[in-house]
Amino acid sequence: MSKDGLNKKVDGLIDKAAGKAKEAAGKATDNRSLEREGKKDQVKGTAKEKTGQAQQNLDSLKNDRR
């Protein structure tokens, strides 16, 4: 298993969690800018998570060929 891929997945999960918190804080305080920033962080986190998973899949395929 690729540590780089795993690290990207973990970073993505952290970004998603932080984004959810920002979005909730933005809604609670009626701060639309913070709410949008939270949504943006969630999208960024999802992208990192998917990239990490893809990297792990590629590494797994490479290891299977050996």
PDB file of N, CA and C in Angstrom:
ATOM      1  N   MET A   1       0.843  -1.182   0.000  1.00  0.00           N
ATOM      2  CA  MET A   1       0.000   0.000   0.000  1.00  0.00           C
ATOM      3  C   MET A   1       0.885   1.242   0.000  1.00  0.00           C
ATOM      4  N   SER A   2       0.499   2.196  -0.789  1.00  0.00           N
ATOM      5  CA  SER A   2       1.276   3.408  -0.939  1.00  0.00           C
ATOM      6  C   SER A   2       1.055   4.354   0.237  1.00  0.00           C
ATOM      7  N   LYS A   3       2.156   4.745   0.868  1.00  0.00           N
ATOM      8  CA  LYS A   3       2.027   5.708   1.962  1.00  0.00           C
ATOM      9  C   LYS A   3       1.646   7.076   1.418  1.00  0.00           C
ATOM     10  N   ASP A   4       2.154   7.422   0.229  1.00  0.00           N
ATOM     11  CA  ASP A   4       1.796   8.702  -0.373  1.00  0.00           C
ATOM     12  C   ASP A   4       0.299   8.758  -0.654  1.00  0.00           C
ATOM     13  N   GLY A   5      -0.229   7.676  -1.200  1.00  0.00           N
ATOM     14  CA  GLY A   5      -1.655   7.629  -1.482  1.00  0.00           C
ATOM     15  C   GLY A   5      -2.476   7.692  -0.207  1.00  0.00           C
ATOM     16  N   LEU A   6      -2.022   6.984   0.806  1.00  0.00           N
ATOM     17  CA  LEU A   6      -2.725   6.998   2.089  1.00  0.00           C
ATOM     18  C   LEU A   6      -2.679   8.384   2.705  1.00  0.00           C
ATOM     19  N   ASN A   7      -1.511   9.029   2.625  1.00  0.00           N
ATOM     20  CA  ASN A   7      -1.385  10.389   3.163  1.00  0.00           C
ATOM     21  C   ASN A   7      -2.337  11.353   2.456  1.00  0.00           C
ATOM     22  N   LYS A   8      -2.450  11.214   1.136  1.00  0.00           N
ATOM     23  CA  LYS A   8      -3.365  12.084   0.390  1.00  0.00           C
ATOM     24  C   LYS A   8      -4.803  11.828   0.804  1.00  0.00           C
ATOM     25  N   LYS A   9      -5.144  10.560   1.014  1.00  0.00           N
ATOM     26  CA  LYS A   9      -6.505  10.231   1.440  1.00  0.00           C
ATOM     27  C   LYS A   9      -6.797  10.841   2.813  1.00  0.00           C
ATOM     28  N   VAL A  10      -5.851  10.728   3.721  1.00  0.00           N
ATOM     29  CA  VAL A  10      -6.030  11.289   5.063  1.00  0.00           C
ATOM     30  C   VAL A  10      -6.132  12.809   4.996  1.00  0.00           C
ATOM     31  N   ASP A  11      -5.265  13.436   4.212  1.00  0.00           N
ATOM     32  CA  ASP A  11      -5.339  14.896   4.037  1.00  0.00           C
ATOM     33  C   ASP A  11      -6.705  15.296   3.492  1.00  0.00           C
ATOM     34  N   GLY A  12      -7.204  14.509   2.562  1.00  0.00           N
ATOM     35  CA  GLY A  12      -8.513  14.799   1.995  1.00  0.00           C
ATOM     36  C   GLY A  12      -9.611  14.693   3.030  1.00  0.00           C
ATOM     37  N   LEU A  13      -9.554  13.680   3.860  1.00  0.00           N
ATOM     38  CA  LEU A  13     -10.559  13.524   4.912  1.00  0.00           C
ATOM     39  C   LEU A  13     -10.501  14.675   5.909  1.00  0.00           C
ATOM     40  N   ILE A  14      -9.292  15.124   6.221  1.00  0.00           N
ATOM     41  CA  ILE A  14      -9.126  16.258   7.130  1.00  0.00           C
ATOM     42  C   ILE A  14      -9.717  17.522   6.503  1.00  0.00           C
ATOM     43  N   ASP A  15      -9.422  17.753   5.218  1.00  0.00           N
ATOM     44  CA  ASP A  15      -9.972  18.924   4.527  1.00  0.00           C
ATOM     45  C   ASP A  15     -11.495  18.887   4.500  1.00  0.00           C
ATOM     46  N   LYS A  16     -12.051  17.694   4.261  1.00  0.00           N
ATOM     47  CA  LYS A  16     -13.508  17.567   4.229  1.00  0.00           C
ATOM     48  C   LYS A  16     -14.113  17.877   5.600  1.00  0.00           C
ATOM     49  N   ALA A  17     -13.506  17.366   6.653  1.00  0.00           N
ATOM     50  CA  ALA A  17     -14.015  17.614   8.002  1.00  0.00           C
ATOM     51  C   ALA A  17     -13.918  19.097   8.357  1.00  0.00           C
ATOM     52  N   ALA A  18     -12.796  19.706   8.034  1.00  0.00           N
ATOM     53  CA  ALA A  18     -12.625  21.134   8.303  1.00  0.00           C
ATOM     54  C   ALA A  18     -13.628  21.949   7.487  1.00  0.00           C
ATOM     55  N   GLY A  19     -13.854  21.525   6.267  1.00  0.00           N
ATOM     56  CA  GLY A  19     -14.823  22.214   5.415  1.00  0.00           C
ATOM     57  C   GLY A  19     -16.231  22.131   5.966  1.00  0.00           C
ATOM     58  N   LYS A  20     -16.595  20.971   6.471  1.00  0.00           N
ATOM     59  CA  LYS A  20     -17.924  20.815   7.071  1.00  0.00           C
ATOM     60  C   LYS A  20     -18.072  21.723   8.281  1.00  0.00           C
ATOM     61  N   ALA A  21     -17.012  21.811   9.085  1.00  0.00           N
ATOM     62  CA  ALA A  21     -17.042  22.682  10.261  1.00  0.00           C
ATOM     63  C   ALA A  21     -17.181  24.152   9.847  1.00  0.00           C
ATOM     64  N   LYS A  22     -16.423  24.561   8.831  1.00  0.00           N
ATOM     65  CA  LYS A  22     -16.519  25.943   8.347  1.00  0.00           C
ATOM     66  C   LYS A  22     -17.905  26.236   7.800  1.00  0.00           C
ATOM     67  N   GLU A  23     -18.423  25.287   7.025  1.00  0.00           N
ATOM     68  CA  GLU A  23     -19.754  25.485   6.455  1.00  0.00           C
ATOM     69  C   GLU A  23     -20.792  25.634   7.569  1.00  0.00           C
ATOM     70  N   ALA A  24     -20.716  24.779   8.583  1.00  0.00           N
ATOM     71  CA  ALA A  24     -21.661  24.850   9.702  1.00  0.00           C
ATOM     72  C   ALA A  24     -21.511  26.167  10.459  1.00  0.00           C
ATOM     73  N   ALA A  25     -20.281  26.598  10.674  1.00  0.00           N
ATOM     74  CA  ALA A  25     -20.045  27.870  11.362  1.00  0.00           C
ATOM     75  C   ALA A  25     -20.590  29.031  10.535  1.00  0.00           C
ATOM     76  N   GLY A  26     -20.402  28.951   9.224  1.00  0.00           N
ATOM     77  CA  GLY A  26     -20.917  29.991   8.342  1.00  0.00           C
ATOM     78  C   GLY A  26     -22.435  30.065   8.380  1.00  0.00           C
ATOM     79  N   LYS A  27     -23.078  28.904   8.394  1.00  0.00           N
ATOM     80  CA  LYS A  27     -24.542  28.881   8.471  1.00  0.00           C
ATOM     81  C   LYS A  27     -25.019  29.430   9.810  1.00  0.00           C
ATOM     82  N   ALA A  28     -24.334  29.032  10.884  1.00  0.00           N
ATOM     83  CA  ALA A  28     -24.742  29.441  12.230  1.00  0.00           C
ATOM     84  C   ALA A  28     -24.598  30.951  12.440  1.00  0.00           C
ATOM     85  N   THR A  29     -23.609  31.538  11.788  1.00  0.00           N
ATOM     86  CA  THR A  29     -23.349  32.969  11.969  1.00  0.00           C
ATOM     87  C   THR A  29     -23.848  33.806  10.794  1.00  0.00           C
ATOM     88  N   ASP A  30     -24.528  33.163   9.871  1.00  0.00           N
ATOM     89  CA  ASP A  30     -25.023  33.818   8.663  1.00  0.00           C
ATOM     90  C   ASP A  30     -23.886  34.478   7.876  1.00  0.00           C
ATOM     91  N   ASN A  31     -22.751  33.785   7.836  1.00  0.00           N
ATOM     92  CA  ASN A  31     -21.572  34.267   7.119  1.00  0.00           C
ATOM     93  C   ASN A  31     -21.446  33.448   5.841  1.00  0.00           C
ATOM     94  N   ARG A  32     -21.977  33.971   4.764  1.00  0.00           N
ATOM     95  CA  ARG A  32     -22.007  33.233   3.497  1.00  0.00           C
ATOM     96  C   ARG A  32     -20.606  32.964   2.941  1.00  0.00           C
ATOM     97  N   SER A  33     -19.690  33.878   3.189  1.00  0.00           N
ATOM     98  CA  SER A  33     -18.318  33.693   2.703  1.00  0.00           C
ATOM     99  C   SER A  33     -17.682  32.473   3.372  1.00  0.00           C
ATOM    100  N   LEU A  34     -17.843  32.355   4.674  1.00  0.00           N
ATOM    101  CA  LEU A  34     -17.292  31.210   5.401  1.00  0.00           C
ATOM    102  C   LEU A  34     -17.989  29.923   4.977  1.00  0.00           C
ATOM    103  N   GLU A  35     -19.264  30.010   4.739  1.00  0.00           N
ATOM    104  CA  GLU A  35     -20.025  28.845   4.278  1.00  0.00           C
ATOM    105  C   GLU A  35     -19.507  28.365   2.923  1.00  0.00           C
ATOM    106  N   ARG A  36     -19.281  29.303   1.995  1.00  0.00           N
ATOM    107  CA  ARG A  36     -18.736  28.950   0.672  1.00  0.00           C
ATOM    108  C   ARG A  36     -17.332  28.378   0.782  1.00  0.00           C
ATOM    109  N   GLU A  37     -16.523  28.969   1.660  1.00  0.00           N
ATOM    110  CA  GLU A  37     -15.157  28.471   1.853  1.00  0.00           C
ATOM    111  C   GLU A  37     -15.195  27.029   2.371  1.00  0.00           C
ATOM    112  N   GLY A  38     -16.117  26.744   3.254  1.00  0.00           N
ATOM    113  CA  GLY A  38     -16.265  25.385   3.760  1.00  0.00           C
ATOM    114  C   GLY A  38     -16.643  24.406   2.668  1.00  0.00           C
ATOM    115  N   LYS A  39     -17.567  24.809   1.811  1.00  0.00           N
ATOM    116  CA  LYS A  39     -17.965  23.939   0.698  1.00  0.00           C
ATOM    117  C   LYS A  39     -16.791  23.703  -0.252  1.00  0.00           C
ATOM    118  N   LYS A  40     -16.013  24.757  -0.477  1.00  0.00           N
ATOM    119  CA  LYS A  40     -14.839  24.647  -1.351  1.00  0.00           C
ATOM    120  C   LYS A  40     -13.822  23.675  -0.746  1.00  0.00           C
ATOM    121  N   ASP A  41     -13.602  23.768   0.550  1.00  0.00           N
ATOM    122  CA  ASP A  41     -12.669  22.864   1.223  1.00  0.00           C
ATOM    123  C   ASP A  41     -13.145  21.412   1.131  1.00  0.00           C
ATOM    124  N   GLN A  42     -14.447  21.190   1.191  1.00  0.00           N
ATOM    125  CA  GLN A  42     -14.979  19.841   1.074  1.00  0.00           C
ATOM    126  C   GLN A  42     -14.718  19.266  -0.315  1.00  0.00           C
ATOM    127  N   VAL A  43     -14.882  20.083  -1.334  1.00  0.00           N
ATOM    128  CA  VAL A  43     -14.614  19.637  -2.707  1.00  0.00           C
ATOM    129  C   VAL A  43     -13.122  19.323  -2.867  1.00  0.00           C
ATOM    130  N   LYS A  44     -12.287  20.196  -2.331  1.00  0.00           N
ATOM    131  CA  LYS A  44     -10.841  19.980  -2.390  1.00  0.00           C
ATOM    132  C   LYS A  44     -10.472  18.693  -1.657  1.00  0.00           C
ATOM    133  N   GLY A  45     -11.092  18.463  -0.522  1.00  0.00           N
ATOM    134  CA  GLY A  45     -10.829  17.249   0.238  1.00  0.00           C
ATOM    135  C   GLY A  45     -11.240  15.998  -0.510  1.00  0.00           C
ATOM    136  N   THR A  46     -12.387  16.058  -1.159  1.00  0.00           N
ATOM    137  CA  THR A  46     -12.854  14.912  -1.951  1.00  0.00           C
ATOM    138  C   THR A  46     -11.875  14.625  -3.082  1.00  0.00           C
ATOM    139  N   ALA A  47     -11.381  15.667  -3.727  1.00  0.00           N
ATOM    140  CA  ALA A  47     -10.418  15.481  -4.820  1.00  0.00           C
ATOM    141  C   ALA A  47      -9.134  14.833  -4.306  1.00  0.00           C
ATOM    142  N   LYS A  48      -8.638  15.290  -3.168  1.00  0.00           N
ATOM    143  CA  LYS A  48      -7.429  14.698  -2.596  1.00  0.00           C
ATOM    144  C   LYS A  48      -7.662  13.234  -2.234  1.00  0.00           C
ATOM    145  N   GLU A  49      -8.819  12.970  -1.645  1.00  0.00           N
ATOM    146  CA  GLU A  49      -9.143  11.606  -1.239  1.00  0.00           C
ATOM    147  C   GLU A  49      -9.179  10.670  -2.452  1.00  0.00           C
ATOM    148  N   LYS A  50      -9.830  11.116  -3.527  1.00  0.00           N
ATOM    149  CA  LYS A  50      -9.923  10.301  -4.745  1.00  0.00           C
ATOM    150  C   LYS A  50      -8.551  10.118  -5.391  1.00  0.00           C
ATOM    151  N   THR A  51      -7.731  11.156  -5.381  1.00  0.00           N
ATOM    152  CA  THR A  51      -6.384  11.069  -5.935  1.00  0.00           C
ATOM    153  C   THR A  51      -5.549  10.065  -5.149  1.00  0.00           C
ATOM    154  N   GLY A  52      -5.662  10.119  -3.834  1.00  0.00           N
ATOM    155  CA  GLY A  52      -4.942   9.170  -2.998  1.00  0.00           C
ATOM    156  C   GLY A  52      -5.377   7.743  -3.253  1.00  0.00           C
ATOM    157  N   GLN A  53      -6.688   7.537  -3.419  1.00  0.00           N
ATOM    158  CA  GLN A  53      -7.204   6.199  -3.699  1.00  0.00           C
ATOM    159  C   GLN A  53      -6.693   5.702  -5.047  1.00  0.00           C
ATOM    160  N   ALA A  54      -6.693   6.576  -6.044  1.00  0.00           N
ATOM    161  CA  ALA A  54      -6.192   6.192  -7.368  1.00  0.00           C
ATOM    162  C   ALA A  54      -4.720   5.823  -7.305  1.00  0.00           C
ATOM    163  N   GLN A  55      -3.953   6.586  -6.544  1.00  0.00           N
ATOM    164  CA  GLN A  55      -2.530   6.301  -6.407  1.00  0.00           C
ATOM    165  C   GLN A  55      -2.325   4.944  -5.726  1.00  0.00           C
ATOM    166  N   GLN A  56      -3.122   4.658  -4.716  1.00  0.00           N
ATOM    167  CA  GLN A  56      -3.034   3.360  -4.046  1.00  0.00           C
ATOM    168  C   GLN A  56      -3.392   2.226  -5.010  1.00  0.00           C
ATOM    169  N   ASN A  57      -4.417   2.439  -5.818  1.00  0.00           N
ATOM    170  CA  ASN A  57      -4.817   1.422  -6.789  1.00  0.00           C
ATOM    171  C   ASN A  57      -3.711   1.151  -7.805  1.00  0.00           C
ATOM    172  N   LEU A  58      -3.078   2.211  -8.296  1.00  0.00           N
ATOM    173  CA  LEU A  58      -1.979   2.044  -9.253  1.00  0.00           C
ATOM    174  C   LEU A  58      -0.803   1.316  -8.619  1.00  0.00           C
ATOM    175  N   ASP A  59      -0.486   1.678  -7.394  1.00  0.00           N
ATOM    176  CA  ASP A  59       0.617   1.014  -6.700  1.00  0.00           C
ATOM    177  C   ASP A  59       0.303  -0.466  -6.480  1.00  0.00           C
ATOM    178  N   SER A  60      -0.945  -0.750  -6.171  1.00  0.00           N
ATOM    179  CA  SER A  60      -1.358  -2.138  -5.972  1.00  0.00           C
ATOM    180  C   SER A  60      -1.203  -2.935  -7.264  1.00  0.00           C
ATOM    181  N   LEU A  61      -1.587  -2.337  -8.379  1.00  0.00           N
ATOM    182  CA  LEU A  61      -1.429  -3.003  -9.672  1.00  0.00           C
ATOM    183  C   LEU A  61       0.045  -3.248  -9.993  1.00  0.00           C
ATOM    184  N   LYS A  62       0.874  -2.268  -9.696  1.00  0.00           N
ATOM    185  CA  LYS A  62       2.318  -2.421  -9.938  1.00  0.00           C
ATOM    186  C   LYS A  62       2.875  -3.564  -9.088  1.00  0.00           C
ATOM    187  N   ASN A  63       2.447  -3.643  -7.843  1.00  0.00           N
ATOM    188  CA  ASN A  63       2.941  -4.696  -6.953  1.00  0.00           C
ATOM    189  C   ASN A  63       2.443  -6.072  -7.381  1.00  0.00           C
ATOM    190  N   ASP A  64       1.234  -6.134  -7.923  1.00  0.00           N
ATOM    191  CA  ASP A  64       0.696  -7.406  -8.387  1.00  0.00           C
ATOM    192  C   ASP A  64       1.456  -7.946  -9.587  1.00  0.00           C
ATOM    193  N   ARG A  65       2.032  -7.059 -10.372  1.00  0.00           N
ATOM    194  CA  ARG A  65       2.772  -7.462 -11.572  1.00  0.00           C
ATOM    195  C   ARG A  65       4.156  -8.003 -11.245  1.00  0.00           C
ATOM    196  N   ARG A  66       4.624  -7.732 -10.069  1.00  0.00           N
ATOM    197  CA  ARG A  66       5.998  -8.140  -9.693  1.00  0.00           C
ATOM    198  C   ARG A  66       6.039  -9.572  -9.307  1.00  0.00           C
TER     199      ARG A  66
END
